[in-house]
């Protein structure tokens, strides 16, 4: 089997897996609605209970699981290719931590109680401001190391401010709301969050997918890429703005969901021949499959305890992260 045929088979298998998990996400829930009734309620125009559950609760949750998972997987693959760092993931630029800080500010000040969209708007605003700040810290001729260090600095500052908000929280209920939001979840999301976040994620994904050819050239080294007509400055703008728009929007509506962008590209890289332009679509589909599966597991394992999806991805991702560190250390010896 040729590499092209193997890649097409991989993409086809991942697409089928995502489609099946998306349908399962629509069918699974505490209401106990059958598959036929679920699909009927999804396209029904009446105001019955099944139609409301499917159209206002399960459909937004499934769409966000699909798009946020794809965003995280794609962002991780792009950052690992651009920074040439196997440990790179979407939170490396400080976008996730800053978006979380924006949401915490909205909850802490009571803006989220007065205006429903204040939380995602604040999260998006802080996410974009963090990217501007990272770019300023990195300097004009930014290199991967300076971008990483600037992202670590912004992440540390946002984390410190979040901890300060928790420490000074006016009442335990606000602190509890902040903590629950930071754990990451797709529950109780509506089509309003879908319409707010998905356009930003689509714009960011277009920017990142368009960087595929440049990332292929970067595997030969910056000098060789420049000789092929690749502009490092343009590639940097594409990557940073794409990650900021997509991951900022994802975090704004779901909270912090970690490890998807780190784990998925590593699992799929050997199956794509380590070619970045092939890894990008595979990682997007793989991220969508992982997050949809994790969200389904949350509803099946502990439906009455409101288990957060960020906890599930962390339980899966942390052991993988440790294994990756040991493997990297062994390769350097």
C-alpha atoms as a PDB file:
ATOM      1  CA  UNK A   1       0.000   0.000   0.000  1.00  0.00           C
ATOM      2  CA  UNK A   2       1.367   3.414  -0.974  1.00  0.00           C
ATOM      3  CA  UNK A   3       1.757   6.240   1.551  1.00  0.00           C
ATOM      4  CA  UNK A   4      -1.026   8.214  -0.130  1.00  0.00           C
ATOM      5  CA  UNK A   5      -3.414   5.251   0.040  1.00  0.00           C
ATOM      6  CA  UNK A   6      -2.504   4.601   3.685  1.00  0.00           C
ATOM      7  CA  UNK A   7      -3.130   8.259   4.522  1.00  0.00           C
ATOM      8  CA  UNK A   8      -6.501   8.221   2.734  1.00  0.00           C
ATOM      9  CA  UNK A   9      -7.447   5.073   4.655  1.00  0.00           C
ATOM     10  CA  UNK A  10      -6.456   6.723   7.947  1.00  0.00           C
ATOM     11  CA  UNK A  11      -8.506   9.852   7.216  1.00  0.00           C
ATOM     12  CA  UNK A  12     -11.483   7.730   6.157  1.00  0.00           C
ATOM     13  CA  UNK A  13     -11.307   5.631   9.335  1.00  0.00           C
ATOM     14  CA  UNK A  14     -11.025   8.715  11.559  1.00  0.00           C
ATOM     15  CA  UNK A  15     -13.909  10.414   9.748  1.00  0.00           C
ATOM     16  CA  UNK A  16     -16.113   7.363  10.252  1.00  0.00           C
ATOM     17  CA  UNK A  17     -15.115   7.189  13.928  1.00  0.00           C
ATOM     18  CA  UNK A  18     -15.972  10.871  14.465  1.00  0.00           C
ATOM     19  CA  UNK A  19     -19.338  10.405  12.709  1.00  0.00           C
ATOM     20  CA  UNK A  20     -20.235   7.409  14.898  1.00  0.00           C
ATOM     21  CA  UNK A  21     -19.165   9.213  18.097  1.00  0.00           C
ATOM     22  CA  UNK A  22     -21.133  12.315  17.078  1.00  0.00           C
ATOM     23  CA  UNK A  23     -24.282  10.220  16.677  1.00  0.00           C
ATOM     24  CA  UNK A  24     -23.557   8.499  19.991  1.00  0.00           C
ATOM     25  CA  UNK A  25     -23.186  11.901  21.659  1.00  0.00           C
ATOM     26  CA  UNK A  26     -26.631  12.831  20.385  1.00  0.00           C
ATOM     27  CA  UNK A  27     -28.137   9.552  21.613  1.00  0.00           C
ATOM     28  CA  UNK A  28     -26.562   9.346  25.091  1.00  0.00           C
ATOM     29  CA  UNK A  29     -28.047  11.187  28.048  1.00  0.00           C
ATOM     30  CA  UNK A  30     -29.981  10.854  31.300  1.00  0.00           C
ATOM     31  CA  UNK A  31     -33.339  11.284  29.545  1.00  0.00           C
ATOM     32  CA  UNK A  32     -33.153   7.732  28.159  1.00  0.00           C
ATOM     33  CA  UNK A  33     -34.471   8.594  24.697  1.00  0.00           C
ATOM     34  CA  UNK A  34     -34.184   5.891  22.029  1.00  0.00           C
ATOM     35  CA  UNK A  35     -32.066   6.445  18.930  1.00  0.00           C
ATOM     36  CA  UNK A  36     -35.047   6.669  16.564  1.00  0.00           C
ATOM     37  CA  UNK A  37     -36.850   9.148  18.840  1.00  0.00           C
ATOM     38  CA  UNK A  38     -33.624  11.113  19.250  1.00  0.00           C
ATOM     39  CA  UNK A  39     -33.148  11.532  15.524  1.00  0.00           C
ATOM     40  CA  UNK A  40     -36.822  12.364  15.099  1.00  0.00           C
ATOM     41  CA  UNK A  41     -36.693  15.003  17.827  1.00  0.00           C
ATOM     42  CA  UNK A  42     -33.558  16.482  16.320  1.00  0.00           C
ATOM     43  CA  UNK A  43     -35.396  17.433  13.125  1.00  0.00           C
ATOM     44  CA  UNK A  44     -38.827  18.017  14.653  1.00  0.00           C
ATOM     45  CA  UNK A  45     -40.416  21.466  14.488  1.00  0.00           C
ATOM     46  CA  UNK A  46     -42.764  21.053  17.423  1.00  0.00           C
ATOM     47  CA  UNK A  47     -42.014  22.195  20.969  1.00  0.00           C
ATOM     48  CA  UNK A  48     -42.198  18.787  22.596  1.00  0.00           C
ATOM     49  CA  UNK A  49     -39.886  17.646  25.370  1.00  0.00           C
ATOM     50  CA  UNK A  50     -37.823  15.354  23.124  1.00  0.00           C
ATOM     51  CA  UNK A  51     -37.328  18.085  20.510  1.00  0.00           C
ATOM     52  CA  UNK A  52     -36.213  20.563  23.180  1.00  0.00           C
ATOM     53  CA  UNK A  53     -33.762  18.081  24.709  1.00  0.00           C
ATOM     54  CA  UNK A  54     -32.233  17.216  21.350  1.00  0.00           C
ATOM     55  CA  UNK A  55     -32.098  20.689  19.830  1.00  0.00           C
ATOM     56  CA  UNK A  56     -31.265  22.795  22.884  1.00  0.00           C
ATOM     57  CA  UNK A  57     -29.157  20.427  25.028  1.00  0.00           C
ATOM     58  CA  UNK A  58     -27.644  17.492  23.169  1.00  0.00           C
ATOM     59  CA  UNK A  59     -27.018  19.083  19.754  1.00  0.00           C
ATOM     60  CA  UNK A  60     -25.008  22.072  21.090  1.00  0.00           C
ATOM     61  CA  UNK A  61     -23.018  19.723  23.321  1.00  0.00           C
ATOM     62  CA  UNK A  62     -22.183  17.396  20.424  1.00  0.00           C
ATOM     63  CA  UNK A  63     -21.247  20.274  18.104  1.00  0.00           C
ATOM     64  CA  UNK A  64     -18.959  21.813  20.728  1.00  0.00           C
ATOM     65  CA  UNK A  65     -17.385  18.438  21.476  1.00  0.00           C
ATOM     66  CA  UNK A  66     -16.655  17.992  17.774  1.00  0.00           C
ATOM     67  CA  UNK A  67     -15.317  21.498  17.107  1.00  0.00           C
ATOM     68  CA  UNK A  68     -13.396  21.990  20.362  1.00  0.00           C
ATOM     69  CA  UNK A  69     -11.754  18.565  20.093  1.00  0.00           C
ATOM     70  CA  UNK A  70     -10.769  19.261  16.478  1.00  0.00           C
ATOM     71  CA  UNK A  71      -9.425  22.674  17.479  1.00  0.00           C
ATOM     72  CA  UNK A  72      -7.284  21.296  20.298  1.00  0.00           C
ATOM     73  CA  UNK A  73      -5.885  18.425  18.213  1.00  0.00           C
ATOM     74  CA  UNK A  74      -5.105  20.705  15.272  1.00  0.00           C
ATOM     75  CA  UNK A  75      -3.534  23.397  17.463  1.00  0.00           C
ATOM     76  CA  UNK A  76      -1.275  20.868  19.147  1.00  0.00           C
ATOM     77  CA  UNK A  77      -0.060  19.497  15.807  1.00  0.00           C
ATOM     78  CA  UNK A  78       0.603  22.987  14.434  1.00  0.00           C
ATOM     79  CA  UNK A  79       2.531  24.145  17.504  1.00  0.00           C
ATOM     80  CA  UNK A  80       4.629  20.978  17.670  1.00  0.00           C
ATOM     81  CA  UNK A  81       5.511  21.402  14.013  1.00  0.00           C
ATOM     82  CA  UNK A  82       6.230  25.123  14.177  1.00  0.00           C
ATOM     83  CA  UNK A  83       8.198  25.113  17.436  1.00  0.00           C
ATOM     84  CA  UNK A  84       9.789  21.722  16.641  1.00  0.00           C
ATOM     85  CA  UNK A  85       9.073  20.759  20.226  1.00  0.00           C
ATOM     86  CA  UNK A  86       7.359  17.427  20.997  1.00  0.00           C
ATOM     87  CA  UNK A  87       6.011  18.822  24.286  1.00  0.00           C
ATOM     88  CA  UNK A  88       4.265  21.801  22.701  1.00  0.00           C
ATOM     89  CA  UNK A  89       0.490  22.021  23.219  1.00  0.00           C
ATOM     90  CA  UNK A  90      -2.229  24.692  22.844  1.00  0.00           C
ATOM     91  CA  UNK A  91      -1.706  26.138  26.323  1.00  0.00           C
ATOM     92  CA  UNK A  92       1.961  26.869  25.644  1.00  0.00           C
ATOM     93  CA  UNK A  93       1.338  30.427  24.381  1.00  0.00           C
ATOM     94  CA  UNK A  94      -0.675  31.367  27.452  1.00  0.00           C
ATOM     95  CA  UNK A  95      -3.947  31.434  25.504  1.00  0.00           C
ATOM     96  CA  UNK A  96      -5.784  28.884  27.652  1.00  0.00           C
ATOM     97  CA  UNK A  97      -4.634  30.362  30.965  1.00  0.00           C
ATOM     98  CA  UNK A  98      -5.491  33.899  29.851  1.00  0.00           C
ATOM     99  CA  UNK A  99      -8.912  32.886  28.543  1.00  0.00           C
ATOM    100  CA  UNK A 100      -9.546  31.178  31.881  1.00  0.00           C
ATOM    101  CA  UNK A 101      -8.505  34.375  33.677  1.00  0.00           C
ATOM    102  CA  UNK A 102     -10.981  36.380  31.585  1.00  0.00           C
ATOM    103  CA  UNK A 103     -13.770  33.981  32.539  1.00  0.00           C
ATOM    104  CA  UNK A 104     -12.729  34.137  36.201  1.00  0.00           C
ATOM    105  CA  UNK A 105     -12.866  37.936  36.111  1.00  0.00           C
ATOM    106  CA  UNK A 106     -16.387  37.782  34.659  1.00  0.00           C
ATOM    107  CA  UNK A 107     -17.503  35.403  37.420  1.00  0.00           C
ATOM    108  CA  UNK A 108     -15.657  37.249  40.198  1.00  0.00           C
ATOM    109  CA  UNK A 109     -17.068  40.677  39.294  1.00  0.00           C
ATOM    110  CA  UNK A 110     -20.588  39.355  38.749  1.00  0.00           C
ATOM    111  CA  UNK A 111     -20.639  40.316  35.054  1.00  0.00           C
ATOM    112  CA  UNK A 112     -21.559  36.768  34.078  1.00  0.00           C
ATOM    113  CA  UNK A 113     -24.656  36.957  36.281  1.00  0.00           C
ATOM    114  CA  UNK A 114     -25.778  40.251  34.733  1.00  0.00           C
ATOM    115  CA  UNK A 115     -24.965  39.384  31.111  1.00  0.00           C
ATOM    116  CA  UNK A 116     -24.864  35.779  29.897  1.00  0.00           C
ATOM    117  CA  UNK A 117     -22.267  36.420  27.191  1.00  0.00           C
ATOM    118  CA  UNK A 118     -19.924  38.382  29.463  1.00  0.00           C
ATOM    119  CA  UNK A 119     -17.982  35.232  30.365  1.00  0.00           C
ATOM    120  CA  UNK A 120     -17.094  34.103  26.815  1.00  0.00           C
ATOM    121  CA  UNK A 121     -16.488  37.701  25.691  1.00  0.00           C
ATOM    122  CA  UNK A 122     -14.054  38.329  28.561  1.00  0.00           C
ATOM    123  CA  UNK A 123     -12.322  35.012  27.902  1.00  0.00           C
ATOM    124  CA  UNK A 124     -11.888  35.802  24.202  1.00  0.00           C
ATOM    125  CA  UNK A 125     -10.631  39.302  24.954  1.00  0.00           C
ATOM    126  CA  UNK A 126      -7.991  38.091  27.409  1.00  0.00           C
ATOM    127  CA  UNK A 127      -6.936  35.330  25.000  1.00  0.00           C
ATOM    128  CA  UNK A 128      -6.181  37.814  22.218  1.00  0.00           C
ATOM    129  CA  UNK A 129      -4.485  40.245  24.600  1.00  0.00           C
ATOM    130  CA  UNK A 130      -2.232  37.420  25.804  1.00  0.00           C
ATOM    131  CA  UNK A 131      -1.107  36.733  22.228  1.00  0.00           C
ATOM    132  CA  UNK A 132      -0.291  40.408  21.695  1.00  0.00           C
ATOM    133  CA  UNK A 133       1.681  40.410  24.936  1.00  0.00           C
ATOM    134  CA  UNK A 134       3.539  37.191  24.036  1.00  0.00           C
ATOM    135  CA  UNK A 135       4.491  38.721  20.685  1.00  0.00           C
ATOM    136  CA  UNK A 136       5.748  41.882  22.405  1.00  0.00           C
ATOM    137  CA  UNK A 137       7.798  39.871  24.905  1.00  0.00           C
ATOM    138  CA  UNK A 138       9.279  37.665  22.185  1.00  0.00           C
ATOM    139  CA  UNK A 139      10.551  40.669  20.233  1.00  0.00           C
ATOM    140  CA  UNK A 140      10.783  41.462  16.535  1.00  0.00           C
ATOM    141  CA  UNK A 141      12.908  38.514  15.391  1.00  0.00           C
ATOM    142  CA  UNK A 142      11.128  35.986  17.555  1.00  0.00           C
ATOM    143  CA  UNK A 143      12.529  32.477  17.759  1.00  0.00           C
ATOM    144  CA  UNK A 144      10.786  29.395  19.039  1.00  0.00           C
ATOM    145  CA  UNK A 145      12.617  29.501  22.379  1.00  0.00           C
ATOM    146  CA  UNK A 146      11.698  33.130  23.089  1.00  0.00           C
ATOM    147  CA  UNK A 147       8.068  32.469  22.129  1.00  0.00           C
ATOM    148  CA  UNK A 148       7.967  29.482  24.501  1.00  0.00           C
ATOM    149  CA  UNK A 149       9.521  31.502  27.342  1.00  0.00           C
ATOM    150  CA  UNK A 150       7.111  34.396  26.737  1.00  0.00           C
ATOM    151  CA  UNK A 151       4.182  31.970  26.747  1.00  0.00           C
ATOM    152  CA  UNK A 152       5.371  30.422  30.019  1.00  0.00           C
ATOM    153  CA  UNK A 153       5.617  33.894  31.566  1.00  0.00           C
ATOM    154  CA  UNK A 154       2.093  34.847  30.478  1.00  0.00           C
ATOM    155  CA  UNK A 155       0.722  31.471  31.653  1.00  0.00           C
ATOM    156  CA  UNK A 156       2.369  31.916  35.062  1.00  0.00           C
ATOM    157  CA  UNK A 157       0.988  35.434  35.456  1.00  0.00           C
ATOM    158  CA  UNK A 158      -2.531  34.404  34.418  1.00  0.00           C
ATOM    159  CA  UNK A 159      -2.389  31.456  36.812  1.00  0.00           C
ATOM    160  CA  UNK A 160      -1.256  33.718  39.659  1.00  0.00           C
ATOM    161  CA  UNK A 161      -4.084  36.178  39.000  1.00  0.00           C
ATOM    162  CA  UNK A 162      -6.598  33.336  38.881  1.00  0.00           C
ATOM    163  CA  UNK A 163      -5.317  32.044  42.221  1.00  0.00           C
ATOM    164  CA  UNK A 164      -5.598  35.576  43.641  1.00  0.00           C
ATOM    165  CA  UNK A 165      -9.229  35.801  42.496  1.00  0.00           C
ATOM    166  CA  UNK A 166      -9.959  32.495  44.208  1.00  0.00           C
ATOM    167  CA  UNK A 167      -8.199  33.653  47.361  1.00  0.00           C
ATOM    168  CA  UNK A 168     -10.148  36.946  47.487  1.00  0.00           C
ATOM    169  CA  UNK A 169     -13.454  35.481  46.355  1.00  0.00           C
ATOM    170  CA  UNK A 170     -16.287  37.308  48.196  1.00  0.00           C
ATOM    171  CA  UNK A 171     -18.186  34.104  48.956  1.00  0.00           C
ATOM    172  CA  UNK A 172     -17.659  30.344  48.709  1.00  0.00           C
ATOM    173  CA  UNK A 173     -20.287  29.998  45.991  1.00  0.00           C
ATOM    174  CA  UNK A 174     -18.327  32.262  43.618  1.00  0.00           C
ATOM    175  CA  UNK A 175     -15.140  30.324  44.361  1.00  0.00           C
ATOM    176  CA  UNK A 176     -16.946  27.044  43.697  1.00  0.00           C
ATOM    177  CA  UNK A 177     -18.317  28.354  40.394  1.00  0.00           C
ATOM    178  CA  UNK A 178     -14.822  29.455  39.350  1.00  0.00           C
ATOM    179  CA  UNK A 179     -13.312  26.087  40.258  1.00  0.00           C
ATOM    180  CA  UNK A 180     -16.017  24.100  38.457  1.00  0.00           C
ATOM    181  CA  UNK A 181     -15.650  26.238  35.326  1.00  0.00           C
ATOM    182  CA  UNK A 182     -11.873  25.790  35.288  1.00  0.00           C
ATOM    183  CA  UNK A 183     -12.248  21.994  35.334  1.00  0.00           C
ATOM    184  CA  UNK A 184     -13.710  22.097  31.821  1.00  0.00           C
ATOM    185  CA  UNK A 185     -17.132  20.882  30.731  1.00  0.00           C
ATOM    186  CA  UNK A 186     -19.529  20.752  27.790  1.00  0.00           C
ATOM    187  CA  UNK A 187     -22.639  20.415  29.943  1.00  0.00           C
ATOM    188  CA  UNK A 188     -25.405  23.034  29.912  1.00  0.00           C
ATOM    189  CA  UNK A 189     -24.109  24.748  26.777  1.00  0.00           C
ATOM    190  CA  UNK A 190     -26.601  26.200  24.311  1.00  0.00           C
ATOM    191  CA  UNK A 191     -26.657  27.141  20.653  1.00  0.00           C
ATOM    192  CA  UNK A 192     -25.748  30.678  21.746  1.00  0.00           C
ATOM    193  CA  UNK A 193     -22.286  29.456  22.765  1.00  0.00           C
ATOM    194  CA  UNK A 194     -22.051  27.514  19.508  1.00  0.00           C
ATOM    195  CA  UNK A 195     -22.745  30.587  17.378  1.00  0.00           C
ATOM    196  CA  UNK A 196     -20.308  32.629  19.448  1.00  0.00           C
ATOM    197  CA  UNK A 197     -17.343  30.233  19.479  1.00  0.00           C
ATOM    198  CA  UNK A 198     -17.528  28.175  16.274  1.00  0.00           C
ATOM    199  CA  UNK A 199     -16.853  31.096  13.839  1.00  0.00           C
ATOM    200  CA  UNK A 200     -13.640  31.956  15.708  1.00  0.00           C
ATOM    201  CA  UNK A 201     -12.594  28.303  15.722  1.00  0.00           C
ATOM    202  CA  UNK A 202     -13.258  28.026  11.980  1.00  0.00           C
ATOM    203  CA  UNK A 203     -11.207  31.148  11.201  1.00  0.00           C
ATOM    204  CA  UNK A 204      -8.356  29.890  13.378  1.00  0.00           C
ATOM    205  CA  UNK A 205      -8.509  26.449  11.748  1.00  0.00           C
ATOM    206  CA  UNK A 206      -8.291  27.971   8.258  1.00  0.00           C
ATOM    207  CA  UNK A 207      -5.173  29.890   9.293  1.00  0.00           C
ATOM    208  CA  UNK A 208      -3.574  26.772  10.765  1.00  0.00           C
ATOM    209  CA  UNK A 209      -4.447  24.473   7.847  1.00  0.00           C
ATOM    210  CA  UNK A 210      -3.012  27.019   5.403  1.00  0.00           C
ATOM    211  CA  UNK A 211       0.327  26.722   7.233  1.00  0.00           C
ATOM    212  CA  UNK A 212       0.691  23.035   6.335  1.00  0.00           C
ATOM    213  CA  UNK A 213       3.002  23.499   3.358  1.00  0.00           C
ATOM    214  CA  UNK A 214       5.206  25.915   5.292  1.00  0.00           C
ATOM    215  CA  UNK A 215       5.454  23.456   8.186  1.00  0.00           C
ATOM    216  CA  UNK A 216       6.548  20.751   5.739  1.00  0.00           C
ATOM    217  CA  UNK A 217       9.343  23.037   4.580  1.00  0.00           C
ATOM    218  CA  UNK A 218      10.319  23.880   8.164  1.00  0.00           C
ATOM    219  CA  UNK A 219      11.210  20.235   8.780  1.00  0.00           C
ATOM    220  CA  UNK A 220      14.224  20.881   6.524  1.00  0.00           C
ATOM    221  CA  UNK A 221      15.350  23.765   8.727  1.00  0.00           C
ATOM    222  CA  UNK A 222      14.637  27.534   8.716  1.00  0.00           C
ATOM    223  CA  UNK A 223      17.309  28.305   6.097  1.00  0.00           C
ATOM    224  CA  UNK A 224      16.091  25.632   3.686  1.00  0.00           C
ATOM    225  CA  UNK A 225      12.485  26.774   4.215  1.00  0.00           C
ATOM    226  CA  UNK A 226      13.456  30.376   3.444  1.00  0.00           C
ATOM    227  CA  UNK A 227      15.158  29.229   0.229  1.00  0.00           C
ATOM    228  CA  UNK A 228      11.854  27.623  -0.803  1.00  0.00           C
ATOM    229  CA  UNK A 229      10.050  30.944  -0.440  1.00  0.00           C
ATOM    230  CA  UNK A 230       8.611  30.402   3.039  1.00  0.00           C
ATOM    231  CA  UNK A 231       8.401  33.592   5.110  1.00  0.00           C
ATOM    232  CA  UNK A 232       9.110  32.840   8.794  1.00  0.00           C
ATOM    233  CA  UNK A 233       7.332  36.012   9.896  1.00  0.00           C
ATOM    234  CA  UNK A 234       4.202  35.168   7.926  1.00  0.00           C
ATOM    235  CA  UNK A 235       4.213  31.599   9.247  1.00  0.00           C
ATOM    236  CA  UNK A 236       4.570  32.874  12.793  1.00  0.00           C
ATOM    237  CA  UNK A 237       1.579  35.197  12.363  1.00  0.00           C
ATOM    238  CA  UNK A 238      -0.524  32.383  10.914  1.00  0.00           C
ATOM    239  CA  UNK A 239       0.299  29.995  13.731  1.00  0.00           C
ATOM    240  CA  UNK A 240      -0.058  32.439  16.626  1.00  0.00           C
ATOM    241  CA  UNK A 241      -3.240  34.095  15.371  1.00  0.00           C
ATOM    242  CA  UNK A 242      -4.766  30.743  14.396  1.00  0.00           C
ATOM    243  CA  UNK A 243      -4.068  29.221  17.798  1.00  0.00           C
ATOM    244  CA  UNK A 244      -5.278  32.348  19.604  1.00  0.00           C
ATOM    245  CA  UNK A 245      -8.589  32.527  17.728  1.00  0.00           C
ATOM    246  CA  UNK A 246      -9.430  28.836  17.922  1.00  0.00           C
ATOM    247  CA  UNK A 247      -8.131  27.881  21.377  1.00  0.00           C
ATOM    248  CA  UNK A 248      -9.323  31.166  22.896  1.00  0.00           C
ATOM    249  CA  UNK A 249     -12.838  30.555  21.588  1.00  0.00           C
ATOM    250  CA  UNK A 250     -12.787  26.913  22.703  1.00  0.00           C
ATOM    251  CA  UNK A 251     -11.658  27.813  26.231  1.00  0.00           C
ATOM    252  CA  UNK A 252     -14.194  30.627  26.376  1.00  0.00           C
ATOM    253  CA  UNK A 253     -17.137  28.230  26.185  1.00  0.00           C
ATOM    254  CA  UNK A 254     -15.781  25.008  27.698  1.00  0.00           C
ATOM    255  CA  UNK A 255     -13.205  25.989  30.283  1.00  0.00           C
ATOM    256  CA  UNK A 256      -9.735  24.460  30.320  1.00  0.00           C
ATOM    257  CA  UNK A 257      -9.494  21.036  28.682  1.00  0.00           C
ATOM    258  CA  UNK A 258      -5.915  19.816  28.711  1.00  0.00           C
ATOM    259  CA  UNK A 259      -3.738  17.147  27.120  1.00  0.00           C
ATOM    260  CA  UNK A 260      -5.841  16.606  23.960  1.00  0.00           C
ATOM    261  CA  UNK A 261      -3.509  18.793  21.902  1.00  0.00           C
ATOM    262  CA  UNK A 262      -0.473  17.031  23.355  1.00  0.00           C
ATOM    263  CA  UNK A 263      -1.562  13.401  23.145  1.00  0.00           C
ATOM    264  CA  UNK A 264      -3.412  13.200  19.813  1.00  0.00           C
ATOM    265  CA  UNK A 265      -0.610  14.439  17.483  1.00  0.00           C
ATOM    266  CA  UNK A 266       1.857  12.026  19.097  1.00  0.00           C
ATOM    267  CA  UNK A 267      -0.472   9.074  18.637  1.00  0.00           C
ATOM    268  CA  UNK A 268      -1.103   9.878  14.971  1.00  0.00           C
ATOM    269  CA  UNK A 269       2.343  11.109  13.886  1.00  0.00           C
ATOM    270  CA  UNK A 270       3.738   7.605  13.110  1.00  0.00           C
ATOM    271  CA  UNK A 271       0.638   6.874  10.991  1.00  0.00           C
ATOM    272  CA  UNK A 272       1.148   9.986   8.833  1.00  0.00           C
ATOM    273  CA  UNK A 273       4.830   9.485   8.094  1.00  0.00           C
ATOM    274  CA  UNK A 274       5.638  12.471  10.339  1.00  0.00           C
ATOM    275  CA  UNK A 275       4.594  14.832   7.527  1.00  0.00           C
ATOM    276  CA  UNK A 276       3.089  17.965   9.152  1.00  0.00           C
ATOM    277  CA  UNK A 277       0.608  18.729   6.357  1.00  0.00           C
ATOM    278  CA  UNK A 278      -0.807  15.204   6.720  1.00  0.00           C
ATOM    279  CA  UNK A 279      -0.730  15.294  10.502  1.00  0.00           C
ATOM    280  CA  UNK A 280      -2.928  18.419  10.660  1.00  0.00           C
ATOM    281  CA  UNK A 281      -6.201  16.898   9.326  1.00  0.00           C
ATOM    282  CA  UNK A 282      -5.518  13.620  11.119  1.00  0.00           C
ATOM    283  CA  UNK A 283      -4.990  15.424  14.437  1.00  0.00           C
ATOM    284  CA  UNK A 284      -8.135  17.511  13.951  1.00  0.00           C
ATOM    285  CA  UNK A 285     -10.224  14.369  13.425  1.00  0.00           C
ATOM    286  CA  UNK A 286      -8.404  12.534  16.217  1.00  0.00           C
ATOM    287  CA  UNK A 287      -8.957  15.405  18.657  1.00  0.00           C
ATOM    288  CA  UNK A 288     -12.659  15.481  17.807  1.00  0.00           C
ATOM    289  CA  UNK A 289     -12.916  11.715  18.362  1.00  0.00           C
ATOM    290  CA  UNK A 290     -11.088  11.872  21.709  1.00  0.00           C
ATOM    291  CA  UNK A 291     -13.187  14.705  23.119  1.00  0.00           C
ATOM    292  CA  UNK A 292     -16.485  13.231  21.920  1.00  0.00           C
ATOM    293  CA  UNK A 293     -15.520   9.885  23.458  1.00  0.00           C
ATOM    294  CA  UNK A 294     -14.498  11.560  26.728  1.00  0.00           C
ATOM    295  CA  UNK A 295     -17.784  13.475  26.868  1.00  0.00           C
ATOM    296  CA  UNK A 296     -19.769  10.283  26.275  1.00  0.00           C
ATOM    297  CA  UNK A 297     -17.761   8.544  29.023  1.00  0.00           C
ATOM    298  CA  UNK A 298     -18.563  11.388  31.436  1.00  0.00           C
ATOM    299  CA  UNK A 299     -22.284  10.855  30.880  1.00  0.00           C
ATOM    300  CA  UNK A 300     -22.080   7.055  31.189  1.00  0.00           C
ATOM    301  CA  UNK A 301     -19.631   6.613  34.077  1.00  0.00           C
ATOM    302  CA  UNK A 302     -20.979   9.091  36.614  1.00  0.00           C
ATOM    303  CA  UNK A 303     -24.096  10.828  35.272  1.00  0.00           C
ATOM    304  CA  UNK A 304     -25.306  11.844  38.734  1.00  0.00           C
ATOM    305  CA  UNK A 305     -21.958  13.313  39.912  1.00  0.00           C
ATOM    306  CA  UNK A 306     -21.361  15.809  37.054  1.00  0.00           C
ATOM    307  CA  UNK A 307     -17.860  14.532  36.338  1.00  0.00           C
ATOM    308  CA  UNK A 308     -15.953  17.220  34.412  1.00  0.00           C
ATOM    309  CA  UNK A 309     -14.504  16.390  31.021  1.00  0.00           C
ATOM    310  CA  UNK A 310     -11.270  18.220  31.824  1.00  0.00           C
ATOM    311  CA  UNK A 311     -10.700  15.753  34.652  1.00  0.00           C
ATOM    312  CA  UNK A 312     -11.134  12.788  32.308  1.00  0.00           C
ATOM    313  CA  UNK A 313      -8.704  14.145  29.703  1.00  0.00           C
ATOM    314  CA  UNK A 314      -6.171  14.916  32.448  1.00  0.00           C
ATOM    315  CA  UNK A 315      -6.425  11.374  33.843  1.00  0.00           C
ATOM    316  CA  UNK A 316      -5.706  10.025  30.365  1.00  0.00           C
ATOM    317  CA  UNK A 317      -3.150  12.629  29.324  1.00  0.00           C
ATOM    318  CA  UNK A 318      -0.966  12.867  32.448  1.00  0.00           C
ATOM    319  CA  UNK A 319       0.367   9.251  32.275  1.00  0.00           C
ATOM    320  CA  UNK A 320       0.994   9.720  28.550  1.00  0.00           C
ATOM    321  CA  UNK A 321       2.901  12.930  29.289  1.00  0.00           C
ATOM    322  CA  UNK A 322       5.117  11.105  31.790  1.00  0.00           C
ATOM    323  CA  UNK A 323       5.754   8.311  29.295  1.00  0.00           C
ATOM    324  CA  UNK A 324       6.672  10.917  26.663  1.00  0.00           C
ATOM    325  CA  UNK A 325       9.197  12.518  29.029  1.00  0.00           C
ATOM    326  CA  UNK A 326      10.854   9.158  29.771  1.00  0.00           C
ATOM    327  CA  UNK A 327      10.982   8.290  26.067  1.00  0.00           C
ATOM    328  CA  UNK A 328      12.495  11.659  25.195  1.00  0.00           C
ATOM    329  CA  UNK A 329      15.094  11.310  27.936  1.00  0.00           C
ATOM    330  CA  UNK A 330      15.993   7.804  26.738  1.00  0.00           C
ATOM    331  CA  UNK A 331      16.490   9.096  23.168  1.00  0.00           C
ATOM    332  CA  UNK A 332      18.857  11.815  24.390  1.00  0.00           C
ATOM    333  CA  UNK A 333      21.096   9.377  26.263  1.00  0.00           C
END
